[in-house]
Amino acid sequence: MYLAKTSGRNQFQYFTASLHIAATERKAFIADLRNALPNNQLSLHFQPIVEISSGRIHKAEALLRWQHPTRAW
């Protein structure tokens, strides 16, 4: 249904094996992400943004890194 909607309305799409695999992987990803915080798999890092002309730190961005136990992202 969502594939048909994103491809444009007033059409249909067949549910194929590749769509089933994608849906299964998406479901596993969401479950893993929901468990990331309680399992302390997330870490916060700050990355400075340096102004090249002066060499000073102009600002910083916050990066949230996910250290998954089995997947290498």
Protein backbone atom coordinates (compact mmCIF):
# COMPACT_ATOMS: atom_id res chain seq x y z
CA MET A 1 0.00 0.00 0.00
CA TYR A 2 2.75 2.45 0.95
CA LEU A 3 4.77 1.65 -2.17
CA ALA A 4 1.72 2.41 -4.32
CA LYS A 5 1.15 5.69 -2.48
CA THR A 6 4.76 6.84 -2.82
CA SER A 7 4.83 5.86 -6.49
CA GLY A 8 1.74 7.96 -7.20
CA ARG A 9 -1.88 7.46 -6.43
CA ASN A 10 -4.51 5.50 -8.40
CA GLN A 11 -2.39 2.41 -8.94
CA PHE A 12 -1.60 -0.93 -7.36
CA GLN A 13 1.53 -2.87 -6.51
CA TYR A 14 2.02 -6.59 -6.09
CA PHE A 15 3.48 -7.77 -2.81
CA THR A 16 6.71 -9.45 -3.88
CA ALA A 17 9.35 -11.42 -2.03
CA SER A 18 11.66 -8.39 -2.06
CA LEU A 19 8.96 -6.26 -0.43
CA HIS A 20 8.52 -8.95 2.23
CA ILE A 21 12.27 -8.99 2.91
CA ALA A 22 12.36 -5.18 3.15
CA ALA A 23 9.40 -5.15 5.55
CA THR A 24 10.98 -7.83 7.72
CA GLU A 25 14.31 -5.97 7.85
CA ARG A 26 12.55 -2.70 8.68
CA LYS A 27 10.65 -4.39 11.51
CA ALA A 28 13.89 -5.85 12.94
CA PHE A 29 15.62 -2.46 12.63
CA ILE A 30 12.83 -0.72 14.54
CA ALA A 31 12.91 -3.37 17.28
CA ASP A 32 16.69 -3.02 17.57
CA LEU A 33 16.44 0.77 17.74
CA ARG A 34 13.80 0.62 20.46
CA ASN A 35 16.14 -1.55 22.53
CA ALA A 36 19.21 0.62 21.92
CA LEU A 37 18.57 3.12 24.73
CA PRO A 38 17.75 0.62 27.50
CA ASN A 39 20.79 -1.46 26.49
CA ASN A 40 23.14 1.57 26.57
CA GLN A 41 24.04 1.26 22.88
CA LEU A 42 23.81 5.00 22.17
CA SER A 43 26.61 7.46 22.80
CA LEU A 44 26.73 11.22 22.39
CA HIS A 45 29.71 12.89 20.73
CA PHE A 46 30.35 16.55 20.00
CA GLN A 47 32.21 17.48 16.83
CA PRO A 48 33.67 20.97 16.59
CA ILE A 49 33.15 23.06 13.47
CA VAL A 50 36.26 25.13 12.91
CA GLU A 51 36.31 28.49 11.11
CA ILE A 52 39.11 28.07 8.59
CA SER A 53 40.15 31.71 8.37
CA SER A 54 40.78 32.09 12.11
CA GLY A 55 41.24 28.48 13.19
CA ARG A 56 38.74 29.00 16.01
CA ILE A 57 35.93 26.70 16.91
CA HIS A 58 32.87 28.40 15.45
CA LYS A 59 30.23 25.95 16.67
CA ALA A 60 29.75 22.26 17.35
CA GLU A 61 27.36 19.59 16.23
CA ALA A 62 26.05 16.76 18.36
CA LEU A 63 26.35 13.25 16.96
CA LEU A 64 24.43 10.31 18.36
CA ARG A 65 26.23 7.08 17.57
CA TRP A 66 24.62 3.70 17.79
CA GLN A 67 26.95 0.88 18.79
CA HIS A 68 24.93 -2.14 17.73
CA PRO A 69 26.25 -5.45 19.09
CA THR A 70 25.98 -7.36 15.80
CA ARG A 71 25.51 -4.83 13.00
CA ALA A 72 28.32 -2.55 11.84
CA TRP A 73 26.73 0.81 11.10
